[in-house]
Amino acid sequence: MLRSKFYRTFLIVLLTLVVGLPACSENSSKRTIYFWQSEFNLDSADYASFHQLRIERVYIRYFDIDWSYPTRQAIPVAPVQFKEIPSSGFDWIPCVFITQRTFINLPPDELNNLANKTLLLIDKLSLEAGIQPKEIQMDCDWNESTRPSYFLFLDTIRSALKEKDIQLSATIRLHQVKYPEITGIPPVDRGMLMAYNLDPVGKLETQNAIFSHQTLRQYLHPETSYPLPLDLVLPVFSWGVLFRDGELIQLIPSLDEEQPELRKQAKQLENFLWQLQQDGFIAGIPVYKYDLIRLESVIPDTLVHAAKTINNTNLTFRTIGVYHYHQNLFNHFSIDELETVYQAFP
């Protein structure tokens, strides 16, 4: 009887300890993904993939803000069109991209007006989509000259959102993490660290502007920290960089070497560089003989390797995300490969 009671007590204690342990297979960081297209038409198959990857929130591009030289004002560009209502099973975070030239040209006394118009359009689109956001994100690659205007704009937005208990986040580039004393710390609740677009896209000699592990290591070291709570987003996209006479002409989204129009009209010069052999069109974009196209993409192993560098810093992240979801994503990244990328972070 005493032995039986001992074993029962032992099992109860053991089960209590086991249940109390965290699951080793689960990451503490939540998973996110960006949707950066002007037409929203996700369906049940897309959501099934999100659930399989345990994605909890989606950052969705609402519109851009650019400077109109003819009208001398900041204007919204290509607001998202909701062909489908977003699923209620995810947190949806509205995002607004703002060009630098907007803040270069906008008079300071117009910043409050721009902030109010931005919030009104966000509210309009959220109502249309049935989204009640807990966070709104601003995306602008500010510099020393645009910092005062951009930060004042952010401060105005944040004050208005506080009344609604909505957080404001802003994208953070790696150079802004390395040189915070020069670039300043944006007045927001959180930052989204963008670990991509690391090298100059307009230089012909650049091999891959989207991502370079060598460049990443130039920005991060074991002591790297940042005074804002951070999230992290990694690249899972590709593009073609079109050059004519050595000058950048245009980016061609999602272009890769399997594109029939490219293989038919261009000759591969190097691993990443193609030269047009005739005039024509690629993805609806006019190209001319002797134009050059640099193909850029990222493979899963590169991101897993990069995770070691990022994890070897003082930076911590609430969420780990990828940019961006599109219909051809799983032709380049399988579910298992994306899972490996997410699992590379604690």
Protein backbone atom coordinates (compact mmCIF):
# COMPACT_ATOMS: atom_id res chain seq x y z
CA MET A 1 0.00 0.00 0.00
CA LEU A 2 2.80 2.44 0.93
CA ARG A 3 4.68 1.57 -2.29
CA SER A 4 1.51 2.15 -4.36
CA LYS A 5 0.94 5.55 -2.72
CA PHE A 6 4.60 6.44 -3.35
CA TYR A 7 4.35 5.63 -7.07
CA ARG A 8 1.09 7.58 -7.42
CA THR A 9 2.66 10.61 -5.75
CA PHE A 10 5.79 10.26 -7.92
CA LEU A 11 3.74 10.12 -11.13
CA ILE A 12 1.67 13.16 -10.16
CA VAL A 13 4.82 15.20 -9.46
CA LEU A 14 6.44 14.01 -12.70
CA LEU A 15 3.40 14.86 -14.82
CA THR A 16 3.16 18.29 -13.18
CA LEU A 17 6.77 19.02 -14.08
CA VAL A 18 6.39 17.79 -17.67
CA VAL A 19 3.21 19.75 -18.30
CA GLY A 20 4.84 22.86 -16.86
CA LEU A 21 7.77 22.72 -19.28
CA PRO A 22 7.56 24.85 -22.43
CA ALA A 23 7.23 22.97 -25.70
CA CYS A 24 10.69 22.86 -27.33
CA SER A 25 9.20 22.85 -30.83
CA GLU A 26 7.34 26.11 -30.32
CA ASN A 27 9.06 29.43 -30.98
CA SER A 28 8.46 32.18 -28.46
CA SER A 29 8.32 34.75 -31.27
CA LYS A 30 5.00 35.04 -33.06
CA ARG A 31 4.91 34.65 -36.83
CA THR A 32 3.83 37.26 -39.34
CA ILE A 33 3.75 37.87 -43.08
CA TYR A 34 3.33 40.91 -45.32
CA PHE A 35 0.74 41.28 -48.07
CA TRP A 36 1.95 44.07 -50.37
CA GLN A 37 -0.35 44.16 -53.38
CA SER A 38 -2.91 46.68 -54.55
CA GLU A 39 -5.68 44.08 -54.88
CA PHE A 40 -6.68 41.94 -51.91
CA ASN A 41 -8.08 38.58 -52.94
CA LEU A 42 -6.79 35.98 -50.47
CA ASP A 43 -8.89 32.81 -50.34
CA SER A 44 -9.27 29.74 -48.14
CA ALA A 45 -6.19 28.04 -49.66
CA ASP A 46 -4.04 31.05 -48.76
CA TYR A 47 -5.36 31.09 -45.21
CA ALA A 48 -4.77 27.34 -44.91
CA SER A 49 -1.09 27.94 -45.73
CA PHE A 50 -0.94 30.70 -43.12
CA HIS A 51 -2.45 28.39 -40.50
CA GLN A 52 -0.03 25.62 -41.44
CA LEU A 53 2.84 28.02 -40.79
CA ARG A 54 1.19 29.23 -37.55
CA ILE A 55 1.07 32.81 -38.82
CA GLU A 56 -0.97 35.01 -36.50
CA ARG A 57 -0.83 38.48 -38.03
CA VAL A 58 -0.68 39.94 -41.52
CA TYR A 59 0.76 43.36 -42.37
CA ILE A 60 -1.26 44.66 -45.29
CA ARG A 61 -0.32 47.56 -47.55
CA TYR A 62 -3.18 50.06 -47.57
CA PHE A 63 -1.70 52.75 -49.84
CA ASP A 64 1.40 54.80 -50.64
CA ILE A 65 1.84 58.52 -50.10
CA ASP A 66 3.86 60.38 -52.71
CA TRP A 67 4.53 63.97 -53.69
CA SER A 68 2.62 65.29 -56.70
CA TYR A 69 4.73 67.91 -58.47
CA PRO A 70 1.87 69.13 -60.72
CA THR A 71 -0.47 69.78 -57.75
CA ARG A 72 2.27 70.54 -55.20
CA GLN A 73 0.75 68.29 -52.55
CA ALA A 74 1.09 64.87 -50.94
CA ILE A 75 -1.37 62.40 -52.43
CA PRO A 76 -2.41 58.79 -51.74
CA VAL A 77 -1.35 56.33 -54.43
CA ALA A 78 -3.04 53.04 -55.36
CA PRO A 79 -5.20 52.34 -52.28
CA VAL A 80 -5.78 48.63 -51.80
CA GLN A 81 -8.95 47.24 -53.38
CA PHE A 82 -10.66 44.58 -51.30
CA LYS A 83 -12.03 41.93 -53.63
CA GLU A 84 -12.51 39.69 -50.59
CA ILE A 85 -13.10 40.48 -46.92
CA PRO A 86 -10.04 39.56 -44.80
CA SER A 87 -10.47 36.56 -42.52
CA SER A 88 -11.24 37.32 -38.90
CA GLY A 89 -8.81 34.58 -37.86
CA PHE A 90 -5.79 36.91 -38.08
CA ASP A 91 -4.62 40.26 -36.76
CA TRP A 92 -4.46 42.69 -39.69
CA ILE A 93 -2.00 45.58 -39.50
CA PRO A 94 -2.55 48.43 -41.99
CA CYS A 95 0.69 49.75 -43.53
CA VAL A 96 1.35 53.02 -45.35
CA PHE A 97 4.48 53.60 -47.42
CA ILE A 98 5.64 57.23 -47.69
CA THR A 99 8.29 58.47 -50.11
CA GLN A 100 11.16 60.60 -48.90
CA ARG A 101 10.35 63.30 -51.43
CA THR A 102 7.01 63.79 -49.71
CA PHE A 103 8.76 65.11 -46.60
CA ILE A 104 11.37 66.97 -48.64
CA ASN A 105 8.67 69.01 -50.38
CA LEU A 106 5.82 69.20 -47.86
CA PRO A 107 5.71 72.52 -45.96
CA PRO A 108 5.94 71.98 -42.17
CA ASP A 109 2.57 73.65 -41.60
CA GLU A 110 0.94 70.94 -43.76
CA LEU A 111 2.15 67.99 -41.66
CA ASN A 112 -0.89 67.94 -39.35
CA ASN A 113 -3.18 68.03 -42.35
CA LEU A 114 -1.34 65.11 -43.95
CA ALA A 115 -1.54 63.11 -40.71
CA ASN A 116 -5.29 63.69 -40.43
CA LYS A 117 -5.92 62.74 -44.07
CA THR A 118 -3.80 59.61 -43.65
CA LEU A 119 -5.81 58.48 -40.63
CA LEU A 120 -9.11 59.21 -42.38
CA LEU A 121 -8.16 57.03 -45.35
CA ILE A 122 -6.94 54.25 -43.06
CA ASP A 123 -10.27 54.37 -41.20
CA LYS A 124 -12.20 54.30 -44.48
CA LEU A 125 -10.35 51.25 -45.80
CA SER A 126 -10.53 49.45 -42.45
CA LEU A 127 -14.29 49.98 -42.29
CA GLU A 128 -14.64 48.68 -45.84
CA ALA A 129 -12.64 45.55 -44.99
CA GLY A 130 -14.13 44.94 -41.54
CA ILE A 131 -10.71 45.37 -39.91
CA GLN A 132 -10.33 46.73 -36.39
CA PRO A 133 -6.56 47.23 -36.17
CA LYS A 134 -4.60 47.06 -32.95
CA GLU A 135 -1.58 48.56 -34.69
CA ILE A 136 -0.81 50.76 -37.68
CA GLN A 137 2.57 50.83 -39.40
CA MET A 138 4.34 53.64 -41.28
CA ASP A 139 7.10 52.83 -43.75
CA CYS A 140 9.57 55.56 -44.76
CA ASP A 141 13.33 55.42 -45.22
CA TRP A 142 13.99 58.75 -43.53
CA ASN A 143 17.37 60.47 -43.35
CA GLU A 144 18.85 63.44 -41.49
CA SER A 145 17.13 66.01 -43.69
CA THR A 146 13.65 64.43 -43.63
CA ARG A 147 13.79 63.30 -39.98
CA PRO A 148 12.24 66.45 -38.42
CA SER A 149 9.19 66.40 -40.71
CA TYR A 150 8.72 62.63 -40.60
CA PHE A 151 9.05 62.45 -36.81
CA LEU A 152 6.56 65.29 -36.35
CA PHE A 153 4.16 63.44 -38.68
CA LEU A 154 4.62 60.26 -36.62
CA ASP A 155 4.10 62.13 -33.36
CA THR A 156 0.80 63.55 -34.63
CA ILE A 157 -0.36 60.11 -35.80
CA ARG A 158 0.64 58.46 -32.53
CA SER A 159 -1.20 61.02 -30.40
CA ALA A 160 -4.40 60.41 -32.36
CA LEU A 161 -4.05 56.62 -32.17
CA LYS A 162 -3.47 56.64 -28.40
CA GLU A 163 -7.02 57.86 -27.92
CA LYS A 164 -8.21 54.71 -29.71
CA ASP A 165 -5.75 52.40 -27.88
CA ILE A 166 -3.99 51.60 -31.18
CA GLN A 167 -0.22 51.23 -31.33
CA LEU A 168 1.95 52.90 -33.96
CA SER A 169 4.96 51.13 -35.44
CA ALA A 170 7.51 52.21 -38.02
CA THR A 171 9.91 50.32 -40.25
CA ILE A 172 13.57 50.53 -39.25
CA ARG A 173 16.46 50.01 -41.68
CA LEU A 174 19.75 48.50 -40.61
CA HIS A 175 21.67 51.75 -41.07
CA GLN A 176 19.21 53.37 -38.65
CA VAL A 177 20.02 50.67 -36.08
CA LYS A 178 23.77 51.10 -36.53
CA TYR A 179 23.73 54.92 -36.41
CA PRO A 180 20.83 55.91 -34.10
CA GLU A 181 22.68 59.02 -32.94
CA ILE A 182 22.61 60.29 -36.55
CA THR A 183 19.23 59.04 -37.76
CA GLY A 184 17.34 59.44 -34.48
CA ILE A 185 14.75 57.17 -32.84
CA PRO A 186 11.25 57.54 -34.28
CA PRO A 187 8.45 58.49 -31.83
CA VAL A 188 6.53 55.22 -32.14
CA ASP A 189 5.58 52.29 -29.92
CA ARG A 190 7.49 49.65 -31.89
CA GLY A 191 9.93 49.25 -34.75
CA MET A 192 9.94 46.72 -37.59
CA LEU A 193 13.53 45.89 -38.49
CA MET A 194 13.80 45.28 -42.23
CA ALA A 195 16.61 42.80 -42.94
CA TYR A 196 16.61 43.35 -46.69
CA ASN A 197 17.31 45.92 -49.42
CA LEU A 198 20.82 46.15 -48.02
CA ASP A 199 22.91 47.26 -51.02
CA PRO A 200 22.40 50.00 -53.66
CA VAL A 201 19.93 48.65 -56.22
CA GLY A 202 20.89 51.30 -58.78
CA LYS A 203 24.54 50.26 -59.06
CA LEU A 204 25.19 47.84 -61.89
CA GLU A 205 28.04 46.18 -59.98
CA THR A 206 25.75 45.22 -57.07
CA GLN A 207 25.17 41.47 -57.17
CA ASN A 208 22.09 41.26 -54.96
CA ALA A 209 20.52 44.41 -53.51
CA ILE A 210 17.78 42.43 -51.76
CA PHE A 211 20.08 40.59 -49.39
CA SER A 212 23.79 40.11 -48.74
CA HIS A 213 25.01 38.30 -45.64
CA GLN A 214 28.33 40.11 -45.95
CA THR A 215 26.54 43.47 -45.82
CA LEU A 216 24.35 42.28 -42.94
CA ARG A 217 27.46 41.57 -40.87
CA GLN A 218 28.67 45.12 -41.49
CA TYR A 219 25.61 46.47 -39.66
CA LEU A 220 25.28 43.98 -36.81
CA HIS A 221 27.66 42.86 -34.07
CA PRO A 222 27.20 41.10 -30.71
CA GLU A 223 26.68 44.39 -28.86
CA THR A 224 24.04 45.72 -31.27
CA SER A 225 20.90 46.94 -29.49
CA TYR A 226 18.08 49.40 -30.13
CA PRO A 227 16.01 51.49 -27.70
CA LEU A 228 12.63 50.49 -29.19
CA PRO A 229 10.83 47.14 -28.93
CA LEU A 230 11.40 45.42 -32.26
CA ASP A 231 9.87 42.98 -34.69
CA LEU A 232 11.82 41.45 -37.61
CA VAL A 233 10.97 40.90 -41.27
CA LEU A 234 13.02 38.92 -43.80
CA PRO A 235 12.85 38.81 -47.62
CA VAL A 236 11.18 36.00 -49.56
CA PHE A 237 10.72 37.89 -52.82
CA SER A 238 12.53 38.25 -56.13
CA TRP A 239 12.78 40.87 -58.84
CA GLY A 240 14.58 41.84 -61.98
CA VAL A 241 16.54 45.10 -62.06
CA LEU A 242 16.36 46.63 -65.53
CA PHE A 243 19.32 48.75 -66.70
CA ARG A 244 19.72 50.75 -69.90
CA ASP A 245 23.05 52.36 -70.76
CA GLY A 246 24.21 51.69 -67.22
CA GLU A 247 21.22 53.49 -65.63
CA LEU A 248 18.50 51.91 -63.51
CA ILE A 249 15.21 52.00 -65.43
CA GLN A 250 12.77 49.90 -63.43
CA LEU A 251 12.24 46.99 -61.05
CA ILE A 252 10.33 44.03 -62.49
CA PRO A 253 8.55 42.26 -59.60
CA SER A 254 8.78 38.47 -59.16
CA LEU A 255 10.99 38.00 -62.23
CA ASP A 256 13.18 34.89 -62.27
CA GLU A 257 15.10 32.82 -64.81
CA GLU A 258 12.11 30.55 -65.42
CA GLN A 259 10.19 33.42 -67.02
CA PRO A 260 9.65 32.30 -70.69
CA GLU A 261 9.76 35.88 -71.99
CA LEU A 262 13.19 36.36 -70.42
CA ARG A 263 14.65 33.12 -71.73
CA LYS A 264 13.31 33.81 -75.22
CA GLN A 265 14.57 37.38 -75.53
CA ALA A 266 17.71 37.51 -73.36
CA LYS A 267 21.07 35.79 -73.03
CA GLN A 268 22.63 34.96 -69.68
CA LEU A 269 26.00 36.71 -69.28
CA GLU A 270 26.71 35.74 -65.68
CA ASN A 271 24.93 33.87 -62.91
CA PHE A 272 22.72 36.87 -62.17
CA LEU A 273 23.02 39.10 -65.28
CA TRP A 274 21.06 38.79 -68.52
CA GLN A 275 21.31 40.85 -71.72
CA LEU A 276 18.40 41.50 -74.10
CA GLN A 277 18.99 40.29 -77.63
CA GLN A 278 15.97 42.05 -79.15
CA ASP A 279 13.32 44.67 -78.47
CA GLY A 280 10.19 43.39 -76.78
CA PHE A 281 8.26 43.14 -73.53
CA ILE A 282 8.90 41.31 -70.27
CA ALA A 283 6.04 41.19 -67.76
CA GLY A 284 4.37 43.93 -69.80
CA ILE A 285 7.38 46.24 -69.51
CA PRO A 286 9.09 47.44 -72.72
CA VAL A 287 12.70 46.30 -73.08
CA TYR A 288 15.26 47.03 -75.78
CA LYS A 289 18.20 45.23 -77.32
CA TYR A 290 21.32 45.41 -75.14
CA ASP A 291 19.34 46.26 -71.99
CA LEU A 292 20.64 44.41 -68.96
CA ILE A 293 18.51 42.65 -66.32
CA ARG A 294 19.98 41.60 -62.99
CA LEU A 295 17.97 38.85 -61.35
CA GLU A 296 17.82 38.94 -57.56
CA SER A 297 16.31 36.53 -55.05
CA VAL A 298 16.97 34.87 -51.71
CA ILE A 299 17.12 31.18 -50.86
CA PRO A 300 16.05 29.65 -47.53
CA ASP A 301 19.55 28.52 -46.54
CA THR A 302 20.77 32.12 -46.82
CA LEU A 303 18.11 33.31 -44.37
CA VAL A 304 18.81 30.48 -41.93
CA HIS A 305 22.50 31.39 -42.06
CA ALA A 306 21.62 35.06 -41.53
CA ALA A 307 19.58 34.12 -38.45
CA LYS A 308 22.80 33.09 -36.70
CA THR A 309 24.21 36.59 -37.20
CA ILE A 310 20.98 38.28 -36.11
CA ASN A 311 20.57 36.03 -33.08
CA ASN A 312 24.14 36.80 -32.01
CA THR A 313 23.20 40.36 -31.03
CA ASN A 314 21.37 42.03 -28.15
CA LEU A 315 18.32 42.49 -30.36
CA THR A 316 15.14 40.61 -29.43
CA PHE A 317 11.96 40.37 -31.46
CA ARG A 318 8.31 39.95 -30.55
CA THR A 319 7.47 38.64 -34.03
CA ILE A 320 9.35 37.16 -36.98
CA GLY A 321 7.89 37.89 -40.40
CA VAL A 322 8.54 37.51 -44.11
CA TYR A 323 8.01 39.96 -46.95
CA HIS A 324 5.90 39.28 -48.89
CA TYR A 325 3.09 36.88 -49.74
CA HIS A 326 2.10 36.44 -53.39
CA GLN A 327 0.61 33.67 -55.49
CA ASN A 328 4.00 32.34 -56.64
CA LEU A 329 5.61 32.34 -53.20
CA PHE A 330 5.35 28.59 -52.70
CA ASN A 331 6.93 27.98 -56.10
CA HIS A 332 10.15 29.35 -54.59
CA PHE A 333 9.71 28.60 -50.87
CA SER A 334 7.96 25.43 -49.79
CA ILE A 335 5.99 25.32 -46.55
CA ASP A 336 8.78 23.24 -45.01
CA GLU A 337 11.44 25.73 -46.12
CA LEU A 338 9.53 28.66 -44.66
CA GLU A 339 9.04 26.66 -41.48
CA THR A 340 12.83 26.23 -41.29
CA VAL A 341 13.31 29.98 -41.63
CA TYR A 342 10.80 30.76 -38.88
CA GLN A 343 12.34 28.12 -36.59
CA ALA A 344 15.80 29.65 -36.99
CA PHE A 345 14.75 32.35 -34.52
CA PRO A 346 14.05 31.85 -30.80
